[in-house]
C-alpha cells in the first residue's frame, strides 16, 4: 500500500510557515492546525468543500471560525512564494518543502480564491 502523504506534508508546510510570524501568537495552536488542514485540503482538491462534519466534530471548529486564520495562512503562503529573496526563513522552509521527499508541496497553488469558501 503506497500512502500519499501530500495532505500531511502540505499541512505541515503551512503550519511551519506560521511559526515565523508573530501575528499567529494570538491564535490557539489547535486553530492554526485545523486551518492548515483546511487550506491543504482545498489546495489538493478544489472540487469539494475542504471542511466536513467529521472534521468539525473532531476539531470543534466550524469552517467560518477558521476563516481569519485560513486567510492569514494563505497570505503568508503567498509571501513565501513571492518574497523568498528578502525573507530567508520563509525561503528556507519553502526550499525544504520543495524537495521531492516532501512531494514538492511548496510549489502547489490554487486557481480558485480561498475567500470564496466562506461566502
N, C-alpha and C. Protein backbone atom coordinates (compact mmCIF):
# COMPACT_ATOMS: atom_id res chain seq x y z
N UNK A 1 0.84 -1.18 0.00
CA UNK A 1 0.00 0.00 0.00
C UNK A 1 0.90 1.25 0.00
N UNK A 2 0.73 2.09 -0.99
CA UNK A 2 1.53 3.31 -1.12
C UNK A 2 0.68 4.49 -0.68
N UNK A 3 0.91 4.96 0.51
CA UNK A 3 0.14 6.06 1.06
C UNK A 3 0.63 7.39 0.49
N UNK A 4 -0.31 8.24 0.13
CA UNK A 4 0.03 9.56 -0.37
C UNK A 4 0.09 10.53 0.81
N UNK A 5 1.25 11.08 1.03
CA UNK A 5 1.47 11.98 2.17
C UNK A 5 1.29 13.45 1.80
N UNK A 6 0.77 13.76 0.63
CA UNK A 6 0.67 15.15 0.18
C UNK A 6 -0.10 16.03 1.16
N UNK A 7 -1.23 15.55 1.65
CA UNK A 7 -2.02 16.35 2.59
C UNK A 7 -1.23 16.62 3.86
N UNK A 8 -0.61 15.60 4.39
CA UNK A 8 0.17 15.76 5.62
C UNK A 8 1.34 16.72 5.41
N UNK A 9 2.08 16.55 4.32
CA UNK A 9 3.23 17.43 4.06
C UNK A 9 2.79 18.87 3.84
N UNK A 10 1.71 19.06 3.10
CA UNK A 10 1.23 20.41 2.82
C UNK A 10 0.73 21.09 4.09
N UNK A 11 -0.02 20.37 4.91
CA UNK A 11 -0.49 20.94 6.18
C UNK A 11 0.69 21.28 7.09
N UNK A 12 1.70 20.41 7.11
CA UNK A 12 2.90 20.68 7.91
C UNK A 12 3.63 21.92 7.39
N UNK A 13 3.73 22.04 6.08
CA UNK A 13 4.39 23.20 5.47
C UNK A 13 3.67 24.49 5.86
N UNK A 14 2.36 24.50 5.73
CA UNK A 14 1.57 25.69 6.06
C UNK A 14 1.69 26.03 7.54
N UNK A 15 1.63 25.02 8.38
CA UNK A 15 1.75 25.26 9.83
C UNK A 15 3.15 25.78 10.17
N UNK A 16 4.17 25.23 9.52
CA UNK A 16 5.54 25.66 9.79
C UNK A 16 5.76 27.12 9.39
N UNK A 17 5.11 27.56 8.33
CA UNK A 17 5.22 28.96 7.93
C UNK A 17 4.71 29.91 9.02
N UNK A 18 3.70 29.47 9.75
CA UNK A 18 3.12 30.33 10.78
C UNK A 18 4.06 30.54 11.97
N UNK A 19 5.02 29.65 12.13
CA UNK A 19 5.95 29.76 13.26
C UNK A 19 6.84 30.99 13.15
N UNK A 20 6.94 31.55 11.96
CA UNK A 20 7.82 32.69 11.73
C UNK A 20 7.11 34.03 11.81
N UNK A 21 5.83 34.01 12.04
CA UNK A 21 5.03 35.23 12.04
C UNK A 21 4.42 35.44 13.42
N UNK A 22 4.86 36.48 14.12
CA UNK A 22 4.36 36.77 15.47
C UNK A 22 2.85 36.99 15.51
N UNK A 23 2.28 37.35 14.40
CA UNK A 23 0.84 37.58 14.34
C UNK A 23 0.02 36.35 14.66
N UNK A 24 0.62 35.18 14.52
CA UNK A 24 -0.12 33.94 14.79
C UNK A 24 -0.14 33.57 16.27
N UNK A 25 0.60 34.30 17.09
CA UNK A 25 0.62 34.00 18.53
C UNK A 25 -0.74 34.23 19.19
N UNK A 26 -1.56 35.04 18.56
CA UNK A 26 -2.88 35.33 19.16
C UNK A 26 -3.89 34.21 18.92
N UNK A 27 -3.53 33.22 18.11
CA UNK A 27 -4.43 32.11 17.80
C UNK A 27 -4.02 30.85 18.56
N UNK A 28 -5.01 30.07 18.96
CA UNK A 28 -4.72 28.78 19.58
C UNK A 28 -4.02 27.87 18.57
N UNK A 29 -3.04 27.09 19.03
CA UNK A 29 -2.37 26.14 18.12
C UNK A 29 -3.34 25.19 17.42
N UNK A 30 -4.40 24.79 18.12
CA UNK A 30 -5.37 23.89 17.51
C UNK A 30 -6.10 24.56 16.34
N UNK A 31 -6.32 25.85 16.46
CA UNK A 31 -6.99 26.60 15.38
C UNK A 31 -6.05 26.76 14.19
N UNK A 32 -4.77 26.97 14.45
CA UNK A 32 -3.79 27.04 13.36
C UNK A 32 -3.69 25.70 12.66
N UNK A 33 -3.62 24.62 13.43
CA UNK A 33 -3.53 23.28 12.85
C UNK A 33 -4.76 22.96 12.00
N UNK A 34 -5.94 23.25 12.53
CA UNK A 34 -7.18 23.00 11.78
C UNK A 34 -7.21 23.83 10.50
N UNK A 35 -6.77 25.08 10.59
CA UNK A 35 -6.75 25.96 9.41
C UNK A 35 -5.74 25.48 8.37
N UNK A 36 -4.62 24.95 8.82
CA UNK A 36 -3.62 24.41 7.90
C UNK A 36 -4.18 23.19 7.16
N UNK A 37 -4.91 22.35 7.87
CA UNK A 37 -5.55 21.19 7.23
C UNK A 37 -6.61 21.67 6.24
N UNK A 38 -7.41 22.64 6.65
CA UNK A 38 -8.45 23.22 5.78
C UNK A 38 -7.83 23.71 4.47
N UNK A 39 -6.78 24.52 4.57
CA UNK A 39 -6.15 25.10 3.39
C UNK A 39 -5.44 24.03 2.56
N UNK A 40 -4.83 23.06 3.21
CA UNK A 40 -4.17 21.97 2.48
C UNK A 40 -5.19 21.15 1.70
N UNK A 41 -6.31 20.83 2.34
CA UNK A 41 -7.35 20.06 1.64
C UNK A 41 -7.89 20.84 0.44
N UNK A 42 -8.06 22.14 0.59
CA UNK A 42 -8.55 22.98 -0.51
C UNK A 42 -7.54 23.02 -1.65
N UNK A 43 -6.28 23.13 -1.31
CA UNK A 43 -5.24 23.19 -2.33
C UNK A 43 -5.20 21.90 -3.15
N UNK A 44 -5.39 20.78 -2.49
CA UNK A 44 -5.29 19.48 -3.17
C UNK A 44 -6.57 19.07 -3.90
N UNK A 45 -7.71 19.59 -3.44
CA UNK A 45 -8.98 19.21 -4.07
C UNK A 45 -9.95 20.38 -4.01
N UNK A 46 -10.08 21.09 -5.12
CA UNK A 46 -10.95 22.26 -5.16
C UNK A 46 -12.34 21.94 -5.70
N UNK A 47 -12.61 20.67 -5.88
CA UNK A 47 -13.92 20.27 -6.37
C UNK A 47 -14.95 20.16 -5.24
N UNK A 48 -14.48 19.99 -4.03
CA UNK A 48 -15.41 19.88 -2.91
C UNK A 48 -14.93 20.76 -1.76
N UNK A 49 -15.85 21.11 -0.88
CA UNK A 49 -15.51 21.96 0.26
C UNK A 49 -14.55 21.19 1.17
N UNK A 50 -13.49 21.84 1.64
CA UNK A 50 -12.47 21.13 2.42
C UNK A 50 -12.88 20.76 3.85
N UNK A 51 -13.95 21.35 4.34
CA UNK A 51 -14.34 21.09 5.73
C UNK A 51 -15.63 20.31 5.74
N UNK A 52 -15.71 19.30 6.58
CA UNK A 52 -16.93 18.49 6.65
C UNK A 52 -17.32 18.27 8.12
N UNK A 53 -18.40 17.56 8.31
CA UNK A 53 -18.91 17.35 9.67
C UNK A 53 -17.96 16.55 10.54
N UNK A 54 -17.25 15.62 9.95
CA UNK A 54 -16.30 14.81 10.71
C UNK A 54 -15.17 15.68 11.25
N UNK A 55 -14.60 16.53 10.39
CA UNK A 55 -13.54 17.43 10.84
C UNK A 55 -14.06 18.42 11.87
N UNK A 56 -15.26 18.90 11.64
CA UNK A 56 -15.89 19.83 12.58
C UNK A 56 -16.07 19.16 13.94
N UNK A 57 -16.51 17.92 13.93
CA UNK A 57 -16.74 17.18 15.17
C UNK A 57 -15.44 16.99 15.96
N UNK A 58 -14.37 16.54 15.28
CA UNK A 58 -13.13 16.22 15.98
C UNK A 58 -12.28 17.44 16.34
N UNK A 59 -12.48 18.55 15.64
CA UNK A 59 -11.71 19.76 15.96
C UNK A 59 -12.50 20.75 16.81
N UNK A 60 -13.80 20.61 16.78
CA UNK A 60 -14.71 21.56 17.44
C UNK A 60 -14.66 22.94 16.81
N UNK A 61 -14.28 23.01 15.54
CA UNK A 61 -14.27 24.27 14.80
C UNK A 61 -15.19 24.17 13.60
N UNK A 62 -16.02 25.16 13.43
CA UNK A 62 -16.81 25.29 12.20
C UNK A 62 -15.93 26.00 11.18
N UNK A 63 -16.23 25.79 9.92
CA UNK A 63 -15.42 26.40 8.85
C UNK A 63 -15.32 27.91 9.00
N UNK A 64 -16.43 28.54 9.32
CA UNK A 64 -16.43 30.01 9.46
C UNK A 64 -15.52 30.48 10.59
N UNK A 65 -15.36 29.68 11.63
CA UNK A 65 -14.48 30.04 12.74
C UNK A 65 -13.01 30.01 12.33
N UNK A 66 -12.70 29.34 11.24
CA UNK A 66 -11.32 29.22 10.76
C UNK A 66 -10.97 30.29 9.74
N UNK A 67 -11.95 31.04 9.29
CA UNK A 67 -11.76 31.98 8.19
C UNK A 67 -10.55 32.90 8.38
N UNK A 68 -10.47 33.58 9.51
CA UNK A 68 -9.39 34.54 9.75
C UNK A 68 -8.02 33.87 9.64
N UNK A 69 -7.88 32.71 10.27
CA UNK A 69 -6.58 32.03 10.27
C UNK A 69 -6.27 31.46 8.89
N UNK A 70 -7.26 30.90 8.23
CA UNK A 70 -7.05 30.38 6.88
C UNK A 70 -6.55 31.49 5.95
N UNK A 71 -7.19 32.63 6.01
CA UNK A 71 -6.78 33.75 5.15
C UNK A 71 -5.38 34.26 5.51
N UNK A 72 -5.04 34.24 6.78
CA UNK A 72 -3.70 34.66 7.21
C UNK A 72 -2.64 33.64 6.76
N UNK A 73 -2.95 32.36 6.86
CA UNK A 73 -2.00 31.34 6.39
C UNK A 73 -1.84 31.47 4.87
N UNK A 74 -2.93 31.70 4.19
CA UNK A 74 -2.85 31.89 2.74
C UNK A 74 -1.96 33.08 2.41
N UNK A 75 -2.10 34.16 3.16
CA UNK A 75 -1.27 35.35 2.94
C UNK A 75 0.21 35.02 3.10
N UNK A 76 0.55 34.33 4.18
CA UNK A 76 1.96 34.02 4.42
C UNK A 76 2.48 32.99 3.40
N UNK A 77 1.60 32.13 2.93
CA UNK A 77 1.99 31.18 1.88
C UNK A 77 2.34 31.93 0.60
N UNK A 78 1.56 32.94 0.26
CA UNK A 78 1.84 33.74 -0.93
C UNK A 78 3.14 34.53 -0.75
N UNK A 79 3.37 35.04 0.46
CA UNK A 79 4.62 35.75 0.74
C UNK A 79 5.82 34.83 0.56
N UNK A 80 5.68 33.59 0.98
CA UNK A 80 6.79 32.63 0.84
C UNK A 80 7.12 32.40 -0.63
N UNK A 81 6.10 32.44 -1.47
CA UNK A 81 6.32 32.24 -2.91
C UNK A 81 6.90 33.49 -3.56
N UNK A 82 6.37 34.65 -3.21
CA UNK A 82 6.72 35.89 -3.89
C UNK A 82 7.93 36.60 -3.28
N UNK A 83 8.11 36.46 -1.99
CA UNK A 83 9.09 37.27 -1.27
C UNK A 83 10.24 36.44 -0.71
N UNK A 84 10.57 35.34 -1.37
CA UNK A 84 11.58 34.42 -0.85
C UNK A 84 12.98 35.02 -0.81
N UNK A 85 13.22 36.07 -1.56
CA UNK A 85 14.55 36.66 -1.57
C UNK A 85 14.82 37.56 -0.38
N UNK A 86 13.79 38.19 0.17
CA UNK A 86 14.01 39.09 1.29
C UNK A 86 13.83 38.41 2.64
N UNK A 87 13.01 37.40 2.73
CA UNK A 87 12.80 36.69 3.98
C UNK A 87 13.45 35.32 3.88
N UNK A 88 14.67 35.21 4.40
CA UNK A 88 15.43 33.97 4.25
C UNK A 88 14.82 32.81 5.01
N UNK A 89 14.13 33.08 6.12
CA UNK A 89 13.49 32.00 6.87
C UNK A 89 12.36 31.38 6.06
N UNK A 90 11.53 32.23 5.43
CA UNK A 90 10.47 31.71 4.58
C UNK A 90 11.07 30.93 3.41
N UNK A 91 12.16 31.45 2.87
CA UNK A 91 12.83 30.79 1.75
C UNK A 91 13.32 29.40 2.16
N UNK A 92 13.88 29.30 3.35
CA UNK A 92 14.39 28.01 3.82
C UNK A 92 13.27 26.98 3.96
N UNK A 93 12.14 27.41 4.52
CA UNK A 93 11.01 26.49 4.67
C UNK A 93 10.47 26.11 3.30
N UNK A 94 10.36 27.08 2.41
CA UNK A 94 9.88 26.81 1.05
C UNK A 94 10.80 25.83 0.33
N UNK A 95 12.09 26.03 0.45
CA UNK A 95 13.04 25.12 -0.20
C UNK A 95 12.94 23.71 0.39
N UNK A 96 12.78 23.63 1.69
CA UNK A 96 12.63 22.32 2.35
C UNK A 96 11.45 21.56 1.75
N UNK A 97 10.30 22.23 1.67
CA UNK A 97 9.09 21.56 1.18
C UNK A 97 8.98 21.56 -0.34
N UNK A 98 9.99 22.05 -1.03
CA UNK A 98 10.05 21.94 -2.49
C UNK A 98 10.76 20.67 -2.91
N UNK A 99 11.35 19.99 -1.95
CA UNK A 99 12.06 18.75 -2.24
C UNK A 99 11.07 17.63 -2.57
N UNK A 100 11.55 16.71 -3.38
CA UNK A 100 10.71 15.58 -3.81
C UNK A 100 10.27 14.71 -2.63
N UNK A 101 11.13 14.59 -1.62
CA UNK A 101 10.76 13.75 -0.47
C UNK A 101 9.56 14.31 0.30
N UNK A 102 9.26 15.60 0.08
CA UNK A 102 8.07 16.22 0.66
C UNK A 102 7.02 16.46 -0.43
N UNK A 103 7.12 15.72 -1.51
CA UNK A 103 6.16 15.78 -2.63
C UNK A 103 6.09 17.17 -3.28
N UNK A 104 7.10 17.99 -3.08
CA UNK A 104 7.17 19.35 -3.66
C UNK A 104 5.92 20.17 -3.37
N UNK A 105 5.37 20.04 -2.17
CA UNK A 105 4.11 20.70 -1.85
C UNK A 105 4.21 22.22 -1.83
N UNK A 106 5.41 22.75 -1.65
CA UNK A 106 5.56 24.21 -1.61
C UNK A 106 5.28 24.84 -2.97
N UNK A 107 5.32 24.04 -4.02
CA UNK A 107 5.09 24.55 -5.37
C UNK A 107 3.60 24.55 -5.75
N UNK A 108 2.78 23.92 -4.93
CA UNK A 108 1.35 23.83 -5.25
C UNK A 108 0.68 25.18 -5.08
N UNK A 109 -0.34 25.42 -5.89
CA UNK A 109 -1.12 26.64 -5.77
C UNK A 109 -2.57 26.31 -6.06
N UNK A 110 -3.42 27.31 -5.97
CA UNK A 110 -4.84 27.08 -6.20
C UNK A 110 -5.39 28.17 -7.09
N UNK A 111 -6.05 27.78 -8.18
CA UNK A 111 -6.60 28.78 -9.10
C UNK A 111 -7.82 29.51 -8.55
N UNK A 112 -8.59 28.85 -7.70
CA UNK A 112 -9.79 29.48 -7.14
C UNK A 112 -9.44 30.25 -5.87
N UNK A 113 -10.01 31.43 -5.69
CA UNK A 113 -9.73 32.20 -4.48
C UNK A 113 -10.24 31.50 -3.22
N UNK A 114 -9.46 31.57 -2.16
CA UNK A 114 -9.79 30.90 -0.91
C UNK A 114 -11.00 31.55 -0.23
N UNK A 115 -11.10 32.87 -0.32
CA UNK A 115 -12.19 33.55 0.39
C UNK A 115 -13.57 33.18 -0.11
N UNK A 116 -13.68 32.58 -1.30
CA UNK A 116 -14.99 32.16 -1.82
C UNK A 116 -15.57 31.02 -0.99
N UNK A 117 -14.76 30.34 -0.20
CA UNK A 117 -15.23 29.24 0.62
C UNK A 117 -16.07 29.71 1.82
N UNK A 118 -15.99 30.97 2.12
CA UNK A 118 -16.64 31.50 3.31
C UNK A 118 -17.83 32.41 3.00
N UNK A 119 -18.31 32.36 1.78
CA UNK A 119 -19.45 33.21 1.41
C UNK A 119 -20.76 32.64 1.91
